[in-house]
């Protein structure tokens, strides 16, 4: 009888002890499983290796292609420099200065405040009549409304803003200062080393403002077609 009671007590104690261990084990298992689920989190890290898919963000480095958009800024400046230095004419027929180019640059239409005209020959806008001074000393002007032959001769002379460059170097767009003036401040930055301080006027330094600059925003406002026509004229020999 005592032996049976002792067995029963031992069994009860054993059951109770097992219950304690079972409870501990079950409380450990979730945390271990949670740890495992953290491992699942780690497998989300593998999902993060889908972030390698994010290295398709390298595709985002196609955004470097977008840096061609920056091309608008730094890369774009490089693009403009290269385009002008290695300019390829859009035609094989050489434009005439008198009939194709002179009408563009001698334009005197002032336009309106909201829609300025691209006229380089406006009064007091650099090259009209009277022409504005193009050097700080106020001793030099360049008129685009003089007779066509006179204007062309003046364009073949050395630039005031970039004395080592001609305004127009026949057959060579990349060494023609006028080409850079037509393409805005980013283009003028390409030849900034050729523009000594204090040699030019305008709101921009060191090479002066783009041409024409009637909107006052530092942006050349000729149409792409007119700019290409002038560059073609230069590239194909700057004929009369």
Protein backbone atom coordinates (compact mmCIF):
# COMPACT_ATOMS: atom_id res chain seq x y z
CA UNK A 1 0.00 0.00 0.00
CA UNK A 2 2.82 2.37 0.98
CA UNK A 3 4.73 1.32 -2.13
CA UNK A 4 1.68 2.12 -4.29
CA UNK A 5 1.29 5.53 -2.66
CA UNK A 6 4.96 6.27 -3.13
CA UNK A 7 4.71 5.33 -6.82
CA UNK A 8 1.67 7.50 -7.23
CA UNK A 9 3.42 10.46 -5.59
CA UNK A 10 6.50 9.96 -7.75
CA UNK A 11 4.35 9.74 -10.82
CA UNK A 12 2.52 12.90 -9.84
CA UNK A 13 5.80 14.71 -9.17
CA UNK A 14 7.17 13.48 -12.47
CA UNK A 15 4.09 14.68 -14.33
CA UNK A 16 4.32 18.04 -12.62
CA UNK A 17 8.01 18.30 -13.43
CA UNK A 18 7.37 17.36 -17.04
CA UNK A 19 4.67 19.99 -17.21
CA UNK A 20 7.17 22.61 -16.04
CA UNK A 21 9.74 21.54 -18.63
CA UNK A 22 7.04 21.33 -21.25
CA UNK A 23 5.94 24.85 -20.42
CA UNK A 24 9.52 26.13 -20.59
CA UNK A 25 10.13 24.32 -23.83
CA UNK A 26 6.97 25.71 -25.36
CA UNK A 27 7.88 29.23 -24.25
CA UNK A 28 11.37 28.76 -25.76
CA UNK A 29 10.11 27.25 -29.00
CA UNK A 30 8.20 30.34 -30.17
CA UNK A 31 11.11 32.58 -29.40
CA UNK A 32 13.38 30.18 -31.20
CA UNK A 33 10.83 30.05 -34.00
CA UNK A 34 10.58 33.79 -33.83
CA UNK A 35 14.32 33.84 -34.13
CA UNK A 36 13.80 31.55 -37.04
CA UNK A 37 11.21 33.93 -38.29
CA UNK A 38 13.84 36.61 -37.86
CA UNK A 39 15.73 34.28 -40.08
CA UNK A 40 12.71 34.58 -42.29
CA UNK A 41 13.31 38.27 -41.87
CA UNK A 42 16.79 37.41 -42.96
CA UNK A 43 15.21 35.62 -45.84
CA UNK A 44 13.40 38.89 -46.40
CA UNK A 45 16.97 40.05 -46.49
CA UNK A 46 17.22 37.57 -49.29
CA UNK A 47 14.23 39.50 -50.48
CA UNK A 48 16.58 42.36 -49.88
CA UNK A 49 18.81 40.51 -52.28
CA UNK A 50 15.88 41.17 -54.54
CA UNK A 51 17.35 44.52 -53.74
CA UNK A 52 20.00 43.10 -56.00
CA UNK A 53 17.02 43.39 -58.22
CA UNK A 54 17.31 46.87 -56.84
CA UNK A 55 20.73 46.69 -58.42
CA UNK A 56 18.47 46.92 -61.41
CA UNK A 57 18.88 50.32 -59.87
CA UNK A 58 22.10 49.95 -61.79
CA UNK A 59 19.51 50.25 -64.45
CA UNK A 60 18.93 53.39 -62.46
CA UNK A 61 22.51 54.12 -63.35
CA UNK A 62 20.97 54.26 -66.77
CA UNK A 63 19.99 57.39 -64.96
CA UNK A 64 23.56 58.23 -65.80
CA UNK A 65 21.97 58.32 -69.16
CA UNK A 66 19.79 60.69 -67.28
CA UNK A 67 23.00 62.47 -66.49
CA UNK A 68 22.96 63.21 -70.12
CA UNK A 69 20.00 65.10 -68.83
CA UNK A 70 22.44 66.62 -66.43
CA UNK A 71 23.71 67.15 -69.79
CA UNK A 72 21.59 69.94 -69.35
CA UNK A 73 24.00 70.96 -66.68
CA UNK A 74 27.51 69.59 -66.47
CA UNK A 75 27.14 66.65 -68.90
CA UNK A 76 25.08 68.83 -71.19
CA UNK A 77 27.83 71.38 -71.22
CA UNK A 78 30.27 68.68 -72.30
CA UNK A 79 27.81 67.66 -74.97
CA UNK A 80 27.52 71.23 -76.29
CA UNK A 81 31.31 71.66 -76.28
CA UNK A 82 31.77 68.43 -78.23
CA UNK A 83 28.96 69.28 -80.64
CA UNK A 84 30.45 72.67 -81.50
CA UNK A 85 34.03 71.40 -81.67
CA UNK A 86 33.04 68.54 -83.97
CA UNK A 87 30.12 70.20 -85.73
CA UNK A 88 28.70 68.32 -88.69
CA UNK A 89 26.75 70.50 -91.15
CA UNK A 90 23.08 69.67 -91.67
CA UNK A 91 23.38 70.38 -95.39
CA UNK A 92 25.89 70.12 -98.21
CA UNK A 93 24.67 73.36 -99.76
CA UNK A 94 26.61 76.31 -98.38
CA UNK A 95 24.29 79.07 -97.08
CA UNK A 96 24.82 82.59 -98.35
CA UNK A 97 25.60 85.32 -95.85
CA UNK A 98 23.65 87.97 -97.75
CA UNK A 99 20.49 85.93 -98.31
CA UNK A 100 20.48 83.42 -95.41
CA UNK A 101 22.46 84.79 -92.48
CA UNK A 102 22.28 88.57 -92.64
CA UNK A 103 18.45 88.64 -92.40
CA UNK A 104 18.67 86.64 -89.15
CA UNK A 105 21.27 88.68 -87.32
CA UNK A 106 20.10 92.10 -88.60
CA UNK A 107 16.56 91.54 -87.34
CA UNK A 108 15.41 94.70 -85.53
CA UNK A 109 11.99 93.47 -84.37
CA UNK A 110 11.74 94.25 -80.63
CA UNK A 111 8.89 91.79 -80.02
CA UNK A 112 6.97 92.13 -76.75
CA UNK A 113 7.80 91.79 -73.07
CA UNK A 114 6.16 88.35 -72.91
CA UNK A 115 7.47 87.19 -76.27
CA UNK A 116 10.78 88.88 -77.11
CA UNK A 117 11.93 88.69 -80.70
CA UNK A 118 15.26 87.05 -81.53
CA UNK A 119 16.57 90.21 -83.18
CA UNK A 120 20.29 90.90 -82.81
CA UNK A 121 19.94 94.26 -84.53
CA UNK A 122 17.66 96.03 -82.08
CA UNK A 123 18.61 99.53 -81.00
CA UNK A 124 20.87 99.47 -77.95
CA UNK A 125 20.71 95.67 -77.81
CA UNK A 126 24.37 95.14 -78.71
CA UNK A 127 24.30 95.32 -82.49
CA UNK A 128 21.59 97.78 -83.56
CA UNK A 129 21.81 101.43 -84.62
CA UNK A 130 23.25 102.91 -82.56
CA UNK A 131 25.08 99.82 -81.41
CA UNK A 132 25.86 99.30 -77.75
CA UNK A 133 29.45 99.15 -76.59
CA UNK A 134 30.90 95.64 -76.43
CA UNK A 135 33.91 96.45 -74.24
CA UNK A 136 34.17 97.95 -70.77
CA UNK A 137 36.10 100.97 -72.00
CA UNK A 138 33.14 101.84 -74.24
CA UNK A 139 35.34 102.21 -77.29
CA UNK A 140 34.19 99.29 -79.46
CA UNK A 141 30.89 98.40 -81.12
CA UNK A 142 29.70 95.80 -83.61
CA UNK A 143 26.73 96.71 -85.78
CA UNK A 144 24.67 94.07 -87.56
CA UNK A 145 22.55 96.63 -89.41
CA UNK A 146 25.36 98.03 -91.55
CA UNK A 147 25.49 96.82 -95.18
CA UNK A 148 25.84 93.03 -95.41
CA UNK A 149 29.39 93.12 -96.78
CA UNK A 150 30.51 95.41 -93.92
CA UNK A 151 28.92 93.16 -91.30
CA UNK A 152 30.53 90.05 -92.75
CA UNK A 153 33.97 91.67 -92.74
CA UNK A 154 33.49 92.59 -89.07
CA UNK A 155 32.49 89.01 -88.25
CA UNK A 156 35.74 87.68 -89.70
CA UNK A 157 37.78 89.81 -87.28
CA UNK A 158 39.08 88.81 -83.85
CA UNK A 159 36.57 88.72 -81.01
CA UNK A 160 36.65 91.36 -78.28
CA UNK A 161 35.56 88.96 -75.55
CA UNK A 162 37.91 86.16 -76.64
CA UNK A 163 40.84 87.93 -78.38
CA UNK A 164 42.57 84.69 -79.44
CA UNK A 165 39.47 83.57 -81.35
CA UNK A 166 37.87 84.98 -84.48
CA UNK A 167 34.21 85.82 -84.29
CA UNK A 168 33.85 83.60 -87.33
CA UNK A 169 36.61 81.25 -88.46
CA UNK A 170 35.51 80.06 -91.93
CA UNK A 171 35.28 76.27 -92.07
CA UNK A 172 35.81 75.88 -88.30
CA UNK A 173 32.81 76.13 -85.99
CA UNK A 174 34.82 75.02 -82.94
CA UNK A 175 37.13 78.03 -83.15
CA UNK A 176 34.41 80.58 -84.00
CA UNK A 177 33.43 82.61 -80.92
CA UNK A 178 30.07 83.50 -82.48
CA UNK A 179 29.04 79.83 -82.41
CA UNK A 180 29.40 79.70 -78.62
CA UNK A 181 27.56 83.00 -78.19
CA UNK A 182 24.59 81.50 -80.05
CA UNK A 183 24.29 78.48 -77.74
CA UNK A 184 23.97 80.11 -74.33
CA UNK A 185 25.97 80.24 -71.12
CA UNK A 186 26.78 76.51 -71.09
CA UNK A 187 28.45 76.88 -74.49
CA UNK A 188 30.32 80.05 -73.48
CA UNK A 189 31.72 78.13 -70.51
CA UNK A 190 33.46 75.87 -73.06
CA UNK A 191 35.73 78.77 -74.09
CA UNK A 192 35.90 80.68 -70.80
CA UNK A 193 39.69 80.26 -70.70
CA UNK A 194 39.87 82.36 -73.88
CA UNK A 195 38.02 85.28 -72.26
CA UNK A 196 40.33 87.46 -70.15
CA UNK A 197 38.63 89.22 -67.21
CA UNK A 198 37.50 92.75 -67.92
CA UNK A 199 37.36 92.49 -71.71
CA UNK A 200 33.61 92.26 -72.20
CA UNK A 201 30.33 93.72 -71.01
CA UNK A 202 27.03 92.12 -69.99
CA UNK A 203 25.61 90.33 -66.99
CA UNK A 204 27.68 87.17 -67.45
CA UNK A 205 31.39 86.65 -66.96
CA UNK A 206 33.93 86.12 -68.31
CA UNK A 207 32.66 85.80 -71.91
CA UNK A 208 29.63 88.09 -71.78
CA UNK A 209 25.98 87.27 -72.45
CA UNK A 210 24.65 84.80 -75.03
CA UNK A 211 23.46 86.22 -78.34
CA UNK A 212 20.81 87.39 -78.70
CA UNK A 213 19.89 88.00 -75.08
CA UNK A 214 16.80 90.18 -75.39
CA UNK A 215 14.95 88.23 -72.70
CA UNK A 216 17.67 89.12 -70.18
CA UNK A 217 17.71 85.57 -68.82
CA UNK A 218 21.10 84.51 -70.15
CA UNK A 219 19.48 82.27 -72.73
CA UNK A 220 20.07 82.63 -76.46
CA UNK A 221 16.67 82.87 -78.13
CA UNK A 222 17.32 82.13 -81.79
CA UNK A 223 15.38 79.17 -83.13
CA UNK A 224 17.22 75.89 -83.58
CA UNK A 225 16.73 76.21 -87.33
CA UNK A 226 18.36 79.66 -87.41
CA UNK A 227 21.26 78.57 -85.21
CA UNK A 228 21.89 75.54 -87.40
CA UNK A 229 21.80 77.73 -90.50
CA UNK A 230 24.48 80.02 -89.03
CA UNK A 231 26.66 77.08 -87.98
CA UNK A 232 26.25 75.50 -91.41
CA UNK A 233 27.32 78.81 -92.95
CA UNK A 234 30.47 78.86 -90.81
CA UNK A 235 31.27 75.16 -91.31
CA UNK A 236 30.91 75.33 -95.08
CA UNK A 237 33.24 78.28 -95.53
CA UNK A 238 31.35 81.43 -94.47
CA UNK A 239 30.61 82.48 -98.04
CA UNK A 240 29.15 85.86 -99.12
